[in-house]
Amino acid sequence: MKVLALTGILLIACAPVLAAAQRPGGAGQGGRPQSQGQGQGQAQRPTSPGSGQGTMDQDRTRQRHQDRDRIRQMATDQQRDQYRTCDKSMDQIRTQARDMASGASKQFDSAKATQQRDQLREQIRTMEQIHERMMQGLNEEQRNSVQSRAQNMQRTQERINTRLQQMDQELSNASPNGKRVSEQARAIEREVKTWQNEHRRLGDDLNLKG
């Protein structure tokens, strides 16, 4: 009887320990429940939504730089000569327009103004022809790379010709107004300067200044 009683006491005392050992993640495994997925490697962190786009932007930027450098290497000596000749003609036109504007504003002479107008028109025509030959001498890749600049220059060229027509109308009057002729000459000089600035940016793009 004593043996049976003793055995019962021992069973009661050991019951909590046996129950803990039988539970998943119990005392036999350190007493701490395993986290879900443990033993199968750490879960991968999600990729940032913007990281892929950033890489694509960098690739496109790198490609643009490579294309630009490749196109700049296509410049020829003939293209550079035409570029410099065209730029020089613009300087001459601007000088002629400034002289005309100054003379017309101080002591207007209709005959002299008409002669200066004719010289100005001839210089502008020569400039346009040189520019056209230069553009025709570019290969397709070069032309495509400066297409927007060429379009800007075309619009400016149209404004220059409009100013010349306005000057023609004023000088065709019986008594031309010297002040208006002066203003028109200054307007032509400003438009040619705009044209020249775009021409020089085009030269930078195509490496024609060297």
Protein backbone atom coordinates (compact mmCIF):
# COMPACT_ATOMS: atom_id res chain seq x y z
CA MET A 1 0.00 0.00 0.00
CA LYS A 2 2.80 2.35 0.84
CA VAL A 3 4.45 1.56 -2.49
CA LEU A 4 1.27 2.33 -4.39
CA ALA A 5 0.78 5.62 -2.55
CA LEU A 6 4.34 6.66 -3.26
CA THR A 7 3.99 5.85 -6.91
CA GLY A 8 0.84 7.97 -7.16
CA ILE A 9 2.57 10.94 -5.57
CA LEU A 10 5.45 10.70 -8.02
CA LEU A 11 3.05 10.54 -11.00
CA ILE A 12 1.21 13.64 -9.81
CA ALA A 13 4.45 15.53 -9.31
CA CYS A 14 5.85 14.62 -12.75
CA ALA A 15 2.61 15.24 -14.71
CA PRO A 16 3.30 18.93 -15.51
CA VAL A 17 6.81 18.12 -16.77
CA LEU A 18 5.56 15.28 -18.97
CA ALA A 19 2.78 17.49 -20.39
CA ALA A 20 5.27 20.27 -21.24
CA ALA A 21 7.57 17.79 -22.96
CA GLN A 22 4.72 16.54 -25.14
CA ARG A 23 3.67 20.05 -26.32
CA PRO A 24 5.14 21.29 -29.71
CA GLY A 25 8.15 23.48 -28.99
CA GLY A 26 8.12 22.30 -25.41
CA ALA A 27 10.87 21.87 -22.86
CA GLY A 28 12.65 19.26 -24.99
CA GLN A 29 13.12 21.94 -27.66
CA GLY A 30 14.16 24.81 -25.44
CA GLY A 31 10.67 25.72 -24.26
CA ARG A 32 10.14 28.38 -26.95
CA PRO A 33 7.76 27.96 -29.90
CA GLN A 34 9.44 28.21 -33.29
CA SER A 35 8.44 31.11 -35.52
CA GLN A 36 6.60 30.25 -38.70
CA GLY A 37 8.96 29.45 -41.53
CA GLN A 38 11.97 28.97 -39.22
CA GLY A 39 14.27 26.30 -40.57
CA GLN A 40 13.28 27.12 -44.14
CA GLY A 41 15.48 30.21 -44.47
CA GLN A 42 14.70 33.87 -43.94
CA ALA A 43 11.88 35.34 -46.05
CA GLN A 44 13.13 37.67 -48.85
CA ARG A 45 12.43 41.34 -48.41
CA PRO A 46 10.19 42.91 -51.07
CA THR A 47 11.95 45.02 -53.70
CA SER A 48 11.35 48.75 -53.53
CA PRO A 49 8.83 49.80 -56.22
CA GLY A 50 11.11 52.61 -57.48
CA SER A 51 14.35 50.68 -57.72
CA GLY A 52 13.58 49.10 -61.10
CA GLN A 53 12.53 52.44 -62.61
CA GLY A 54 15.69 54.11 -61.30
CA THR A 55 17.85 51.50 -63.00
CA MET A 56 16.00 51.97 -66.28
CA ASP A 57 16.46 55.75 -66.10
CA GLN A 58 20.19 55.32 -65.51
CA ASP A 59 20.44 52.97 -68.49
CA ARG A 60 18.63 55.42 -70.75
CA THR A 61 20.84 58.31 -69.60
CA ARG A 62 23.96 56.25 -70.23
CA GLN A 63 22.71 55.32 -73.69
CA ARG A 64 21.97 58.96 -74.56
CA HIS A 65 25.49 59.96 -73.58
CA GLN A 66 26.96 57.18 -75.66
CA ASP A 67 24.85 58.17 -78.68
CA ARG A 68 25.82 61.83 -78.29
CA ASP A 69 29.54 61.00 -78.12
CA ARG A 70 29.26 58.74 -81.14
CA ILE A 71 27.48 61.42 -83.20
CA ARG A 72 30.04 64.07 -82.20
CA GLN A 73 32.77 61.85 -83.62
CA MET A 74 31.11 61.98 -87.06
CA ALA A 75 31.99 65.65 -87.69
CA THR A 76 34.12 66.27 -90.78
CA ASP A 77 36.48 69.11 -91.69
CA GLN A 78 34.14 70.20 -94.48
CA GLN A 79 31.22 70.46 -92.06
CA ARG A 80 33.34 72.53 -89.68
CA ASP A 81 34.39 74.88 -92.50
CA GLN A 82 30.76 75.39 -93.51
CA TYR A 83 29.78 75.99 -89.90
CA ARG A 84 32.45 78.68 -89.42
CA THR A 85 31.60 80.36 -92.73
CA CYS A 86 27.92 80.50 -91.77
CA ASP A 87 28.72 81.91 -88.33
CA LYS A 88 30.95 84.59 -89.86
CA SER A 89 28.19 85.61 -92.25
CA MET A 90 25.86 86.14 -89.28
CA ASP A 91 28.37 88.50 -87.68
CA GLN A 92 28.47 90.51 -90.91
CA ILE A 93 24.68 90.70 -91.09
CA ARG A 94 24.39 91.88 -87.51
CA THR A 95 27.03 94.57 -88.12
CA GLN A 96 25.24 95.74 -91.28
CA ALA A 97 21.86 95.85 -89.47
CA ARG A 98 23.29 97.84 -86.54
CA ASP A 99 24.93 100.36 -88.90
CA MET A 100 21.68 100.76 -90.81
CA ALA A 101 19.69 101.25 -87.61
CA SER A 102 22.14 103.83 -86.33
CA GLY A 103 22.23 105.81 -89.58
CA ALA A 104 18.46 105.80 -90.04
CA SER A 105 17.86 107.09 -86.52
CA LYS A 106 20.34 109.98 -86.77
CA GLN A 107 20.16 111.39 -90.30
CA PHE A 108 17.89 109.38 -92.51
CA ASP A 109 18.77 109.09 -96.19
CA SER A 110 16.21 107.10 -98.15
CA ALA A 111 18.58 106.22 -101.01
CA LYS A 112 21.33 105.08 -98.65
CA ALA A 113 18.84 103.08 -96.56
CA THR A 114 17.58 101.34 -99.70
CA GLN A 115 21.15 100.42 -100.66
CA GLN A 116 21.83 99.08 -97.16
CA ARG A 117 18.59 97.10 -97.30
CA ASP A 118 19.68 95.47 -100.55
CA GLN A 119 23.06 94.54 -99.08
CA LEU A 120 21.35 93.16 -96.00
CA ARG A 121 19.01 91.01 -98.06
CA GLU A 122 21.90 89.62 -100.11
CA GLN A 123 23.88 88.77 -96.98
CA ILE A 124 20.88 87.00 -95.46
CA ARG A 125 20.32 85.02 -98.65
CA THR A 126 23.99 83.96 -98.65
CA MET A 127 23.76 82.94 -95.00
CA GLU A 128 20.69 80.80 -95.68
CA GLN A 129 22.39 79.09 -98.62
CA ILE A 130 25.51 78.27 -96.58
CA HIS A 131 23.38 76.91 -93.76
CA GLU A 132 21.34 74.80 -96.18
CA ARG A 133 24.49 73.28 -97.69
CA MET A 134 25.81 72.52 -94.24
CA MET A 135 22.59 70.76 -93.22
CA GLN A 136 22.53 68.76 -96.46
CA GLY A 137 26.10 67.64 -95.76
CA LEU A 138 25.08 66.01 -92.47
CA ASN A 139 24.31 62.33 -92.39
CA GLU A 140 20.92 61.07 -91.25
CA GLU A 141 21.93 60.49 -87.63
CA GLN A 142 23.43 63.95 -87.36
CA ARG A 143 20.31 65.60 -88.81
CA ASN A 144 17.98 63.65 -86.55
CA SER A 145 19.98 64.59 -83.45
CA VAL A 146 19.56 68.35 -84.14
CA GLN A 147 16.09 68.26 -85.67
CA SER A 148 14.50 70.45 -82.98
CA ARG A 149 17.25 73.07 -83.31
CA ALA A 150 16.88 73.11 -87.09
CA GLN A 151 13.13 73.67 -86.68
CA ASN A 152 13.77 76.58 -84.29
CA MET A 153 16.15 78.12 -86.80
CA GLN A 154 13.59 77.73 -89.57
CA ARG A 155 11.02 79.66 -87.55
CA THR A 156 13.55 82.40 -86.81
CA GLN A 157 14.48 82.57 -90.48
CA GLU A 158 10.82 83.17 -91.35
CA ARG A 159 10.68 86.03 -88.85
CA ILE A 160 13.80 87.59 -90.39
CA ASN A 161 12.21 87.52 -93.85
CA THR A 162 9.02 89.03 -92.43
CA ARG A 163 11.06 91.92 -91.00
CA LEU A 164 12.69 92.46 -94.40
CA GLN A 165 9.27 92.63 -96.05
CA GLN A 166 8.16 95.24 -93.52
CA MET A 167 11.27 97.26 -94.30
CA ASP A 168 10.54 96.95 -98.04
CA GLN A 169 7.06 98.35 -97.48
CA GLU A 170 8.37 101.30 -95.48
CA LEU A 171 11.08 102.17 -97.99
CA SER A 172 8.59 101.96 -100.87
CA ASN A 173 6.61 104.85 -99.41
CA ALA A 174 6.99 108.29 -100.95
CA SER A 175 8.33 109.60 -97.64
CA PRO A 176 9.77 106.69 -95.63
CA ASN A 177 9.92 107.08 -91.88
CA GLY A 178 13.52 106.86 -90.71
CA LYS A 179 12.54 105.89 -87.18
CA ARG A 180 10.52 102.90 -88.38
CA VAL A 181 13.30 101.80 -90.71
CA SER A 182 15.72 102.00 -87.77
CA GLU A 183 13.42 99.90 -85.59
CA GLN A 184 13.05 97.29 -88.33
CA ALA A 185 16.83 97.08 -88.78
CA ARG A 186 17.29 96.57 -85.04
CA ALA A 187 14.60 93.88 -85.07
CA ILE A 188 16.46 92.07 -87.86
CA GLU A 189 19.70 92.25 -85.86
CA ARG A 190 17.97 90.72 -82.83
CA GLU A 191 16.44 87.91 -84.89
CA VAL A 192 19.79 87.12 -86.52
CA LYS A 193 21.35 86.99 -83.06
CA THR A 194 18.68 84.48 -82.00
CA TRP A 195 19.41 82.47 -85.15
CA GLN A 196 23.15 82.60 -84.43
CA ASN A 197 22.71 81.41 -80.84
CA GLU A 198 20.76 78.38 -82.03
CA HIS A 199 23.34 77.79 -84.76
CA ARG A 200 26.11 77.74 -82.15
CA ARG A 201 24.20 75.29 -79.95
CA LEU A 202 23.84 73.08 -83.01
CA GLY A 203 27.59 73.34 -83.50
CA ASP A 204 28.15 72.24 -79.92
CA ASP A 205 25.86 69.25 -80.38
CA LEU A 206 27.68 68.11 -83.53
CA ASN A 207 31.21 69.06 -82.44
CA LEU A 208 31.61 71.53 -85.33
CA LYS A 209 33.39 74.25 -83.40
CA GLY A 210 36.71 72.41 -83.12
